[in-house]
């Protein structure tokens, strides 16, 4: 009797799972009109040149010399790994006017220039060369807060934005978890020094790491003020959704394989959007 029950239960579960799978396939087919869509690979990176523009600043002792012979070998290994994806378009975290990047790229190709200590050059240019791509796309954007703050008619808006950010002193989120995040940034810098680059990229581009690091943005100040989430929405979420918009504005074919090379902090929001939109198919870094 028990065996019959278990067999019946198993068949029922398999039927439900098959039904769910069929439903997903049907929805994708409907939304995509049965057509292929461009693929997208997000590659979250640290900034090789250490510009010091992020809240966390890497100590000099933990800064990699990306031009050292060992690191250059590791860069080649990283590029070889990403090359499995066979990108047809390379998108990077710069402004939309990328003419200066193309001049740098052409100078390097001609032997009259060198690759700078930037991930755009070290990874992006190498991939352009390998796949004979003739352009590179800048997709960075200012946030809504930055746009309205610097607009000509922002006299009324500036005090409001100032008040939101003034109400968020550095000590606002002091907590055990907050402290641990800052501690982890230090640990991660040291791990980057100790690990080979490809291993480090595989670790930091894993789903678990991407999601947990995004958790730092979501810590609550435990007050009844919405200033913290308003600031996050107007600035960080706005900037990343605008980056997504810039990606969507890049003209593509269904067979395109888009590579987005961008600072790791941007990846969680973009990853969620690409998992949701039927316009693209997301490829995970660790699955290459």
C-alpha atoms as a PDB file:
ATOM      1  CA  UNK A   1       0.000   0.000   0.000  1.00  0.00           C
ATOM      2  CA  UNK A   2       2.794   2.399   0.968  1.00  0.00           C
ATOM      3  CA  UNK A   3       4.684   1.491  -2.211  1.00  0.00           C
ATOM      4  CA  UNK A   4       1.642   2.239  -4.369  1.00  0.00           C
ATOM      5  CA  UNK A   5       1.234   5.589  -2.589  1.00  0.00           C
ATOM      6  CA  UNK A   6       4.883   6.500  -3.179  1.00  0.00           C
ATOM      7  CA  UNK A   7       4.718   5.561  -6.853  1.00  0.00           C
ATOM      8  CA  UNK A   8       1.535   7.609  -7.280  1.00  0.00           C
ATOM      9  CA  UNK A   9       3.123  10.576  -5.461  1.00  0.00           C
ATOM     10  CA  UNK A  10       6.252  10.387  -7.618  1.00  0.00           C
ATOM     11  CA  UNK A  11       4.213  10.316 -10.827  1.00  0.00           C
ATOM     12  CA  UNK A  12       2.174  13.300  -9.622  1.00  0.00           C
ATOM     13  CA  UNK A  13       5.297  15.319  -8.798  1.00  0.00           C
ATOM     14  CA  UNK A  14       6.878  14.522 -12.157  1.00  0.00           C
ATOM     15  CA  UNK A  15       3.672  15.559 -13.906  1.00  0.00           C
ATOM     16  CA  UNK A  16       3.626  18.889 -12.016  1.00  0.00           C
ATOM     17  CA  UNK A  17       7.314  19.543 -12.764  1.00  0.00           C
ATOM     18  CA  UNK A  18       6.789  18.741 -16.443  1.00  0.00           C
ATOM     19  CA  UNK A  19       3.785  21.046 -16.491  1.00  0.00           C
ATOM     20  CA  UNK A  20       5.814  23.881 -14.968  1.00  0.00           C
ATOM     21  CA  UNK A  21       8.555  23.331 -17.546  1.00  0.00           C
ATOM     22  CA  UNK A  22       6.038  23.383 -20.368  1.00  0.00           C
ATOM     23  CA  UNK A  23       4.510  26.573 -18.973  1.00  0.00           C
ATOM     24  CA  UNK A  24       7.916  28.287 -18.890  1.00  0.00           C
ATOM     25  CA  UNK A  25       8.663  27.191 -22.448  1.00  0.00           C
ATOM     26  CA  UNK A  26       5.251  28.389 -23.634  1.00  0.00           C
ATOM     27  CA  UNK A  27       5.668  31.796 -21.974  1.00  0.00           C
ATOM     28  CA  UNK A  28       9.126  32.305 -23.462  1.00  0.00           C
ATOM     29  CA  UNK A  29       7.890  31.240 -26.885  1.00  0.00           C
ATOM     30  CA  UNK A  30       4.973  33.658 -26.631  1.00  0.00           C
ATOM     31  CA  UNK A  31       6.971  36.647 -25.385  1.00  0.00           C
ATOM     32  CA  UNK A  32       9.833  36.092 -27.811  1.00  0.00           C
ATOM     33  CA  UNK A  33       7.499  35.191 -30.666  1.00  0.00           C
ATOM     34  CA  UNK A  34       9.409  31.946 -31.070  1.00  0.00           C
ATOM     35  CA  UNK A  35      12.571  33.834 -32.063  1.00  0.00           C
ATOM     36  CA  UNK A  36      16.140  33.749 -30.791  1.00  0.00           C
ATOM     37  CA  UNK A  37      17.213  36.690 -28.609  1.00  0.00           C
ATOM     38  CA  UNK A  38      20.668  38.188 -27.983  1.00  0.00           C
ATOM     39  CA  UNK A  39      22.688  36.649 -25.177  1.00  0.00           C
ATOM     40  CA  UNK A  40      24.259  38.728 -22.402  1.00  0.00           C
ATOM     41  CA  UNK A  41      27.263  37.890 -20.238  1.00  0.00           C
ATOM     42  CA  UNK A  42      27.857  40.100 -17.179  1.00  0.00           C
ATOM     43  CA  UNK A  43      31.475  40.192 -16.023  1.00  0.00           C
ATOM     44  CA  UNK A  44      31.838  41.957 -12.688  1.00  0.00           C
ATOM     45  CA  UNK A  45      35.325  43.293 -12.116  1.00  0.00           C
ATOM     46  CA  UNK A  46      37.370  45.396  -9.729  1.00  0.00           C
ATOM     47  CA  UNK A  47      38.957  48.477 -11.274  1.00  0.00           C
ATOM     48  CA  UNK A  48      42.503  47.533 -12.259  1.00  0.00           C
ATOM     49  CA  UNK A  49      43.742  51.121 -12.061  1.00  0.00           C
ATOM     50  CA  UNK A  50      42.364  51.729  -8.533  1.00  0.00           C
ATOM     51  CA  UNK A  51      40.880  55.187  -9.261  1.00  0.00           C
ATOM     52  CA  UNK A  52      39.654  55.459  -5.656  1.00  0.00           C
ATOM     53  CA  UNK A  53      36.144  56.596  -6.585  1.00  0.00           C
ATOM     54  CA  UNK A  54      34.277  53.949  -4.553  1.00  0.00           C
ATOM     55  CA  UNK A  55      33.483  54.172  -0.843  1.00  0.00           C
ATOM     56  CA  UNK A  56      35.933  51.374  -0.130  1.00  0.00           C
ATOM     57  CA  UNK A  57      39.532  52.314  -0.867  1.00  0.00           C
ATOM     58  CA  UNK A  58      42.065  49.524  -1.357  1.00  0.00           C
ATOM     59  CA  UNK A  59      45.248  49.842   0.699  1.00  0.00           C
ATOM     60  CA  UNK A  60      48.400  50.300  -1.367  1.00  0.00           C
ATOM     61  CA  UNK A  61      49.750  47.013  -0.002  1.00  0.00           C
ATOM     62  CA  UNK A  62      46.803  45.163  -1.569  1.00  0.00           C
ATOM     63  CA  UNK A  63      46.866  46.791  -4.993  1.00  0.00           C
ATOM     64  CA  UNK A  64      47.819  44.481  -7.849  1.00  0.00           C
ATOM     65  CA  UNK A  65      50.379  45.501 -10.420  1.00  0.00           C
ATOM     66  CA  UNK A  66      48.384  44.356 -13.401  1.00  0.00           C
ATOM     67  CA  UNK A  67      51.417  44.922 -15.662  1.00  0.00           C
ATOM     68  CA  UNK A  68      53.662  42.469 -13.842  1.00  0.00           C
ATOM     69  CA  UNK A  69      54.627  39.391 -15.910  1.00  0.00           C
ATOM     70  CA  UNK A  70      52.647  37.051 -13.621  1.00  0.00           C
ATOM     71  CA  UNK A  71      49.490  39.167 -13.713  1.00  0.00           C
ATOM     72  CA  UNK A  72      49.761  39.600 -17.467  1.00  0.00           C
ATOM     73  CA  UNK A  73      49.833  35.820 -17.782  1.00  0.00           C
ATOM     74  CA  UNK A  74      46.731  35.645 -15.564  1.00  0.00           C
ATOM     75  CA  UNK A  75      45.007  38.308 -17.680  1.00  0.00           C
ATOM     76  CA  UNK A  76      45.578  36.124 -20.737  1.00  0.00           C
ATOM     77  CA  UNK A  77      44.043  33.164 -18.893  1.00  0.00           C
ATOM     78  CA  UNK A  78      41.038  35.295 -17.898  1.00  0.00           C
ATOM     79  CA  UNK A  79      40.602  36.504 -21.477  1.00  0.00           C
ATOM     80  CA  UNK A  80      40.899  32.923 -22.757  1.00  0.00           C
ATOM     81  CA  UNK A  81      38.100  31.921 -20.407  1.00  0.00           C
ATOM     82  CA  UNK A  82      35.800  34.792 -21.422  1.00  0.00           C
ATOM     83  CA  UNK A  83      36.619  34.101 -25.083  1.00  0.00           C
ATOM     84  CA  UNK A  84      34.692  30.834 -24.795  1.00  0.00           C
ATOM     85  CA  UNK A  85      31.612  33.044 -24.910  1.00  0.00           C
ATOM     86  CA  UNK A  86      32.667  34.422 -28.337  1.00  0.00           C
ATOM     87  CA  UNK A  87      31.351  37.977 -27.809  1.00  0.00           C
ATOM     88  CA  UNK A  88      30.128  39.973 -30.795  1.00  0.00           C
ATOM     89  CA  UNK A  89      29.788  43.239 -28.843  1.00  0.00           C
ATOM     90  CA  UNK A  90      31.855  44.585 -25.930  1.00  0.00           C
ATOM     91  CA  UNK A  91      30.140  47.032 -23.549  1.00  0.00           C
ATOM     92  CA  UNK A  92      32.128  48.807 -20.834  1.00  0.00           C
ATOM     93  CA  UNK A  93      31.686  51.154 -17.876  1.00  0.00           C
ATOM     94  CA  UNK A  94      32.516  54.428 -19.597  1.00  0.00           C
ATOM     95  CA  UNK A  95      30.545  57.300 -21.074  1.00  0.00           C
ATOM     96  CA  UNK A  96      28.848  56.896 -24.435  1.00  0.00           C
ATOM     97  CA  UNK A  97      31.500  58.901 -26.311  1.00  0.00           C
ATOM     98  CA  UNK A  98      34.004  56.093 -26.851  1.00  0.00           C
ATOM     99  CA  UNK A  99      35.994  57.630 -29.698  1.00  0.00           C
ATOM    100  CA  UNK A 100      38.968  58.144 -27.391  1.00  0.00           C
ATOM    101  CA  UNK A 101      38.858  54.445 -26.478  1.00  0.00           C
ATOM    102  CA  UNK A 102      38.954  53.456 -30.141  1.00  0.00           C
ATOM    103  CA  UNK A 103      41.976  55.714 -30.673  1.00  0.00           C
ATOM    104  CA  UNK A 104      43.715  54.022 -27.719  1.00  0.00           C
ATOM    105  CA  UNK A 105      42.797  50.635 -29.147  1.00  0.00           C
ATOM    106  CA  UNK A 106      44.069  51.493 -32.619  1.00  0.00           C
ATOM    107  CA  UNK A 107      47.338  52.858 -31.180  1.00  0.00           C
ATOM    108  CA  UNK A 108      47.878  49.608 -29.282  1.00  0.00           C
ATOM    109  CA  UNK A 109      47.134  47.559 -32.393  1.00  0.00           C
ATOM    110  CA  UNK A 110      49.600  49.651 -34.412  1.00  0.00           C
ATOM    111  CA  UNK A 111      52.290  49.298 -31.749  1.00  0.00           C
ATOM    112  CA  UNK A 112      52.391  53.019 -30.976  1.00  0.00           C
ATOM    113  CA  UNK A 113      50.511  52.758 -27.688  1.00  0.00           C
ATOM    114  CA  UNK A 114      50.288  50.482 -24.667  1.00  0.00           C
ATOM    115  CA  UNK A 115      47.433  48.966 -22.731  1.00  0.00           C
ATOM    116  CA  UNK A 116      46.643  51.111 -19.725  1.00  0.00           C
ATOM    117  CA  UNK A 117      46.094  49.683 -16.240  1.00  0.00           C
ATOM    118  CA  UNK A 118      42.361  49.507 -16.832  1.00  0.00           C
ATOM    119  CA  UNK A 119      40.074  46.540 -17.297  1.00  0.00           C
ATOM    120  CA  UNK A 120      38.700  48.210 -20.438  1.00  0.00           C
ATOM    121  CA  UNK A 121      42.134  47.951 -22.055  1.00  0.00           C
ATOM    122  CA  UNK A 122      43.441  44.781 -20.463  1.00  0.00           C
ATOM    123  CA  UNK A 123      40.310  42.687 -21.047  1.00  0.00           C
ATOM    124  CA  UNK A 124      38.066  44.662 -23.408  1.00  0.00           C
ATOM    125  CA  UNK A 125      40.715  45.544 -25.993  1.00  0.00           C
ATOM    126  CA  UNK A 126      42.141  42.031 -26.029  1.00  0.00           C
ATOM    127  CA  UNK A 127      38.697  40.581 -26.730  1.00  0.00           C
ATOM    128  CA  UNK A 128      38.064  43.154 -29.457  1.00  0.00           C
ATOM    129  CA  UNK A 129      41.319  42.126 -31.089  1.00  0.00           C
ATOM    130  CA  UNK A 130      40.679  38.402 -30.786  1.00  0.00           C
ATOM    131  CA  UNK A 131      37.222  38.603 -32.364  1.00  0.00           C
ATOM    132  CA  UNK A 132      38.041  41.386 -34.829  1.00  0.00           C
ATOM    133  CA  UNK A 133      35.446  43.811 -33.415  1.00  0.00           C
ATOM    134  CA  UNK A 134      35.537  47.345 -34.777  1.00  0.00           C
ATOM    135  CA  UNK A 135      33.841  49.243 -31.961  1.00  0.00           C
ATOM    136  CA  UNK A 136      33.303  49.353 -28.215  1.00  0.00           C
ATOM    137  CA  UNK A 137      30.211  50.655 -26.420  1.00  0.00           C
ATOM    138  CA  UNK A 138      30.194  52.895 -23.348  1.00  0.00           C
ATOM    139  CA  UNK A 139      27.103  52.310 -21.193  1.00  0.00           C
ATOM    140  CA  UNK A 140      27.694  54.211 -17.946  1.00  0.00           C
ATOM    141  CA  UNK A 141      25.153  56.814 -16.840  1.00  0.00           C
ATOM    142  CA  UNK A 142      24.559  59.509 -14.267  1.00  0.00           C
ATOM    143  CA  UNK A 143      21.770  58.828 -11.807  1.00  0.00           C
ATOM    144  CA  UNK A 144      18.488  60.715 -11.698  1.00  0.00           C
ATOM    145  CA  UNK A 145      19.702  62.498  -8.562  1.00  0.00           C
ATOM    146  CA  UNK A 146      22.856  63.672 -10.351  1.00  0.00           C
ATOM    147  CA  UNK A 147      20.891  64.799 -13.388  1.00  0.00           C
ATOM    148  CA  UNK A 148      18.303  66.887 -11.575  1.00  0.00           C
ATOM    149  CA  UNK A 149      20.854  68.231  -9.069  1.00  0.00           C
ATOM    150  CA  UNK A 150      23.023  69.684 -11.816  1.00  0.00           C
ATOM    151  CA  UNK A 151      20.197  70.859 -14.082  1.00  0.00           C
ATOM    152  CA  UNK A 152      19.663  74.555 -14.756  1.00  0.00           C
ATOM    153  CA  UNK A 153      16.327  74.671 -12.935  1.00  0.00           C
ATOM    154  CA  UNK A 154      17.339  72.722  -9.856  1.00  0.00           C
ATOM    155  CA  UNK A 155      17.198  75.491  -7.236  1.00  0.00           C
ATOM    156  CA  UNK A 156      14.134  73.953  -5.586  1.00  0.00           C
ATOM    157  CA  UNK A 157      15.384  70.376  -5.892  1.00  0.00           C
ATOM    158  CA  UNK A 158      18.928  70.723  -4.579  1.00  0.00           C
ATOM    159  CA  UNK A 159      17.931  71.370  -0.939  1.00  0.00           C
ATOM    160  CA  UNK A 160      15.689  68.283  -0.972  1.00  0.00           C
ATOM    161  CA  UNK A 161      18.457  66.034  -2.269  1.00  0.00           C
ATOM    162  CA  UNK A 162      20.957  67.593   0.147  1.00  0.00           C
ATOM    163  CA  UNK A 163      18.619  66.913   3.057  1.00  0.00           C
ATOM    164  CA  UNK A 164      18.266  63.244   2.072  1.00  0.00           C
ATOM    165  CA  UNK A 165      21.999  62.662   2.006  1.00  0.00           C
ATOM    166  CA  UNK A 166      22.779  64.852   5.007  1.00  0.00           C
ATOM    167  CA  UNK A 167      20.470  62.670   7.076  1.00  0.00           C
ATOM    168  CA  UNK A 168      22.638  59.632   6.339  1.00  0.00           C
ATOM    169  CA  UNK A 169      25.871  60.107   8.314  1.00  0.00           C
ATOM    170  CA  UNK A 170      28.555  57.438   8.055  1.00  0.00           C
ATOM    171  CA  UNK A 171      27.559  56.068  11.442  1.00  0.00           C
ATOM    172  CA  UNK A 172      23.917  55.585  10.451  1.00  0.00           C
ATOM    173  CA  UNK A 173      24.205  51.880   9.716  1.00  0.00           C
ATOM    174  CA  UNK A 174      26.573  50.983  12.540  1.00  0.00           C
ATOM    175  CA  UNK A 175      25.790  47.385  13.325  1.00  0.00           C
ATOM    176  CA  UNK A 176      27.491  44.023  13.558  1.00  0.00           C
ATOM    177  CA  UNK A 177      26.569  43.214   9.944  1.00  0.00           C
ATOM    178  CA  UNK A 178      27.680  46.612   8.644  1.00  0.00           C
ATOM    179  CA  UNK A 179      31.050  46.218  10.332  1.00  0.00           C
ATOM    180  CA  UNK A 180      31.441  42.740   8.872  1.00  0.00           C
ATOM    181  CA  UNK A 181      30.858  43.998   5.342  1.00  0.00           C
ATOM    182  CA  UNK A 182      33.667  46.519   5.663  1.00  0.00           C
ATOM    183  CA  UNK A 183      35.815  43.785   7.162  1.00  0.00           C
ATOM    184  CA  UNK A 184      35.046  41.558   4.181  1.00  0.00           C
ATOM    185  CA  UNK A 185      36.158  44.226   1.705  1.00  0.00           C
ATOM    186  CA  UNK A 186      39.587  44.120   3.325  1.00  0.00           C
ATOM    187  CA  UNK A 187      39.593  40.326   3.225  1.00  0.00           C
ATOM    188  CA  UNK A 188      38.565  40.375  -0.426  1.00  0.00           C
ATOM    189  CA  UNK A 189      41.396  42.754  -1.334  1.00  0.00           C
ATOM    190  CA  UNK A 190      43.877  40.335   0.236  1.00  0.00           C
ATOM    191  CA  UNK A 191      42.276  37.356  -1.495  1.00  0.00           C
ATOM    192  CA  UNK A 192      42.635  39.160  -4.808  1.00  0.00           C
ATOM    193  CA  UNK A 193      46.380  39.440  -4.149  1.00  0.00           C
ATOM    194  CA  UNK A 194      46.692  35.787  -3.137  1.00  0.00           C
ATOM    195  CA  UNK A 195      44.498  34.227  -5.843  1.00  0.00           C
ATOM    196  CA  UNK A 196      44.945  33.911  -9.563  1.00  0.00           C
ATOM    197  CA  UNK A 197      42.721  36.367 -11.428  1.00  0.00           C
ATOM    198  CA  UNK A 198      40.480  33.782 -13.086  1.00  0.00           C
ATOM    199  CA  UNK A 199      39.787  32.066  -9.757  1.00  0.00           C
ATOM    200  CA  UNK A 200      39.016  35.431  -8.181  1.00  0.00           C
ATOM    201  CA  UNK A 201      36.609  36.342 -10.999  1.00  0.00           C
ATOM    202  CA  UNK A 202      34.882  32.959 -10.756  1.00  0.00           C
ATOM    203  CA  UNK A 203      34.375  33.485  -7.034  1.00  0.00           C
ATOM    204  CA  UNK A 204      33.168  37.084  -7.170  1.00  0.00           C
ATOM    205  CA  UNK A 205      30.859  36.431 -10.131  1.00  0.00           C
ATOM    206  CA  UNK A 206      29.103  33.501  -8.454  1.00  0.00           C
ATOM    207  CA  UNK A 207      25.404  33.975  -7.680  1.00  0.00           C
ATOM    208  CA  UNK A 208      25.948  33.676  -3.946  1.00  0.00           C
ATOM    209  CA  UNK A 209      28.708  36.289  -3.834  1.00  0.00           C
ATOM    210  CA  UNK A 210      26.827  38.694  -6.126  1.00  0.00           C
ATOM    211  CA  UNK A 211      23.684  38.527  -4.005  1.00  0.00           C
ATOM    212  CA  UNK A 212      25.387  38.734  -0.626  1.00  0.00           C
ATOM    213  CA  UNK A 213      27.502  41.737  -1.611  1.00  0.00           C
ATOM    214  CA  UNK A 214      24.374  43.525  -2.834  1.00  0.00           C
ATOM    215  CA  UNK A 215      22.985  42.950   0.659  1.00  0.00           C
ATOM    216  CA  UNK A 216      25.224  45.735   1.964  1.00  0.00           C
ATOM    217  CA  UNK A 217      23.139  48.276   0.041  1.00  0.00           C
ATOM    218  CA  UNK A 218      19.961  46.931   1.626  1.00  0.00           C
ATOM    219  CA  UNK A 219      20.837  47.285   5.308  1.00  0.00           C
ATOM    220  CA  UNK A 220      18.199  49.318   7.113  1.00  0.00           C
ATOM    221  CA  UNK A 221      18.874  52.242   9.428  1.00  0.00           C
ATOM    222  CA  UNK A 222      15.976  51.059  11.652  1.00  0.00           C
ATOM    223  CA  UNK A 223      14.289  54.473  11.744  1.00  0.00           C
ATOM    224  CA  UNK A 224      10.924  55.598  10.392  1.00  0.00           C
ATOM    225  CA  UNK A 225      12.639  57.872   7.851  1.00  0.00           C
ATOM    226  CA  UNK A 226      12.624  56.844   4.184  1.00  0.00           C
ATOM    227  CA  UNK A 227      15.705  58.944   3.417  1.00  0.00           C
ATOM    228  CA  UNK A 228      18.003  55.915   3.169  1.00  0.00           C
ATOM    229  CA  UNK A 229      15.866  54.104   0.592  1.00  0.00           C
ATOM    230  CA  UNK A 230      15.043  57.338  -1.241  1.00  0.00           C
ATOM    231  CA  UNK A 231      18.750  58.071  -1.584  1.00  0.00           C
ATOM    232  CA  UNK A 232      19.400  54.531  -2.777  1.00  0.00           C
ATOM    233  CA  UNK A 233      16.577  54.777  -5.318  1.00  0.00           C
ATOM    234  CA  UNK A 234      17.477  58.210  -6.678  1.00  0.00           C
ATOM    235  CA  UNK A 235      21.156  57.410  -6.974  1.00  0.00           C
ATOM    236  CA  UNK A 236      22.286  53.777  -7.109  1.00  0.00           C
ATOM    237  CA  UNK A 237      19.196  52.031  -8.469  1.00  0.00           C
ATOM    238  CA  UNK A 238      18.550  54.885 -10.884  1.00  0.00           C
ATOM    239  CA  UNK A 239      22.089  54.757 -12.243  1.00  0.00           C
ATOM    240  CA  UNK A 240      21.944  51.016 -12.847  1.00  0.00           C
ATOM    241  CA  UNK A 241      18.524  51.099 -14.484  1.00  0.00           C
ATOM    242  CA  UNK A 242      19.840  53.834 -16.759  1.00  0.00           C
ATOM    243  CA  UNK A 243      22.819  51.613 -17.567  1.00  0.00           C
ATOM    244  CA  UNK A 244      20.324  48.897 -18.483  1.00  0.00           C
ATOM    245  CA  UNK A 245      18.545  51.414 -20.713  1.00  0.00           C
ATOM    246  CA  UNK A 246      21.847  52.208 -22.443  1.00  0.00           C
ATOM    247  CA  UNK A 247      22.410  48.499 -23.047  1.00  0.00           C
ATOM    248  CA  UNK A 248      18.936  48.217 -24.534  1.00  0.00           C
ATOM    249  CA  UNK A 249      19.737  51.107 -26.865  1.00  0.00           C
ATOM    250  CA  UNK A 250      22.658  49.203 -28.441  1.00  0.00           C
ATOM    251  CA  UNK A 251      21.449  47.899 -31.781  1.00  0.00           C
ATOM    252  CA  UNK A 252      21.596  44.112 -31.812  1.00  0.00           C
ATOM    253  CA  UNK A 253      20.784  41.064 -33.879  1.00  0.00           C
ATOM    254  CA  UNK A 254      19.169  37.922 -32.412  1.00  0.00           C
ATOM    255  CA  UNK A 255      22.492  36.104 -32.801  1.00  0.00           C
ATOM    256  CA  UNK A 256      24.533  38.723 -30.915  1.00  0.00           C
ATOM    257  CA  UNK A 257      26.505  37.752 -27.840  1.00  0.00           C
ATOM    258  CA  UNK A 258      26.864  40.858 -25.687  1.00  0.00           C
ATOM    259  CA  UNK A 259      29.656  41.142 -23.133  1.00  0.00           C
ATOM    260  CA  UNK A 260      29.122  43.681 -20.325  1.00  0.00           C
ATOM    261  CA  UNK A 261      32.375  44.407 -18.475  1.00  0.00           C
ATOM    262  CA  UNK A 262      31.473  46.472 -15.422  1.00  0.00           C
ATOM    263  CA  UNK A 263      32.305  47.104 -11.765  1.00  0.00           C
ATOM    264  CA  UNK A 264      31.112  44.250  -9.558  1.00  0.00           C
ATOM    265  CA  UNK A 265      28.757  46.460  -7.545  1.00  0.00           C
ATOM    266  CA  UNK A 266      26.590  47.036 -10.624  1.00  0.00           C
ATOM    267  CA  UNK A 267      26.105  43.346 -11.392  1.00  0.00           C
ATOM    268  CA  UNK A 268      23.372  42.398  -8.861  1.00  0.00           C
ATOM    269  CA  UNK A 269      20.829  44.925 -10.167  1.00  0.00           C
ATOM    270  CA  UNK A 270      21.669  44.255 -13.815  1.00  0.00           C
ATOM    271  CA  UNK A 271      21.586  40.501 -13.221  1.00  0.00           C
ATOM    272  CA  UNK A 272      18.069  40.694 -11.817  1.00  0.00           C
ATOM    273  CA  UNK A 273      16.874  42.746 -14.783  1.00  0.00           C
ATOM    274  CA  UNK A 274      18.373  40.371 -17.342  1.00  0.00           C
ATOM    275  CA  UNK A 275      16.891  37.382 -15.547  1.00  0.00           C
ATOM    276  CA  UNK A 276      13.480  39.023 -15.870  1.00  0.00           C
ATOM    277  CA  UNK A 277      13.466  40.581 -19.326  1.00  0.00           C
ATOM    278  CA  UNK A 278      12.447  38.424 -22.300  1.00  0.00           C
ATOM    279  CA  UNK A 279      14.556  40.648 -24.590  1.00  0.00           C
ATOM    280  CA  UNK A 280      17.805  38.874 -23.713  1.00  0.00           C
ATOM    281  CA  UNK A 281      19.098  35.551 -22.469  1.00  0.00           C
ATOM    282  CA  UNK A 282      21.509  35.816 -19.552  1.00  0.00           C
ATOM    283  CA  UNK A 283      24.631  33.629 -19.572  1.00  0.00           C
ATOM    284  CA  UNK A 284      26.324  33.066 -16.220  1.00  0.00           C
ATOM    285  CA  UNK A 285      30.035  33.683 -15.932  1.00  0.00           C
ATOM    286  CA  UNK A 286      30.657  30.389 -14.159  1.00  0.00           C
ATOM    287  CA  UNK A 287      28.895  28.384 -16.872  1.00  0.00           C
ATOM    288  CA  UNK A 288      31.242  29.200 -19.743  1.00  0.00           C
END
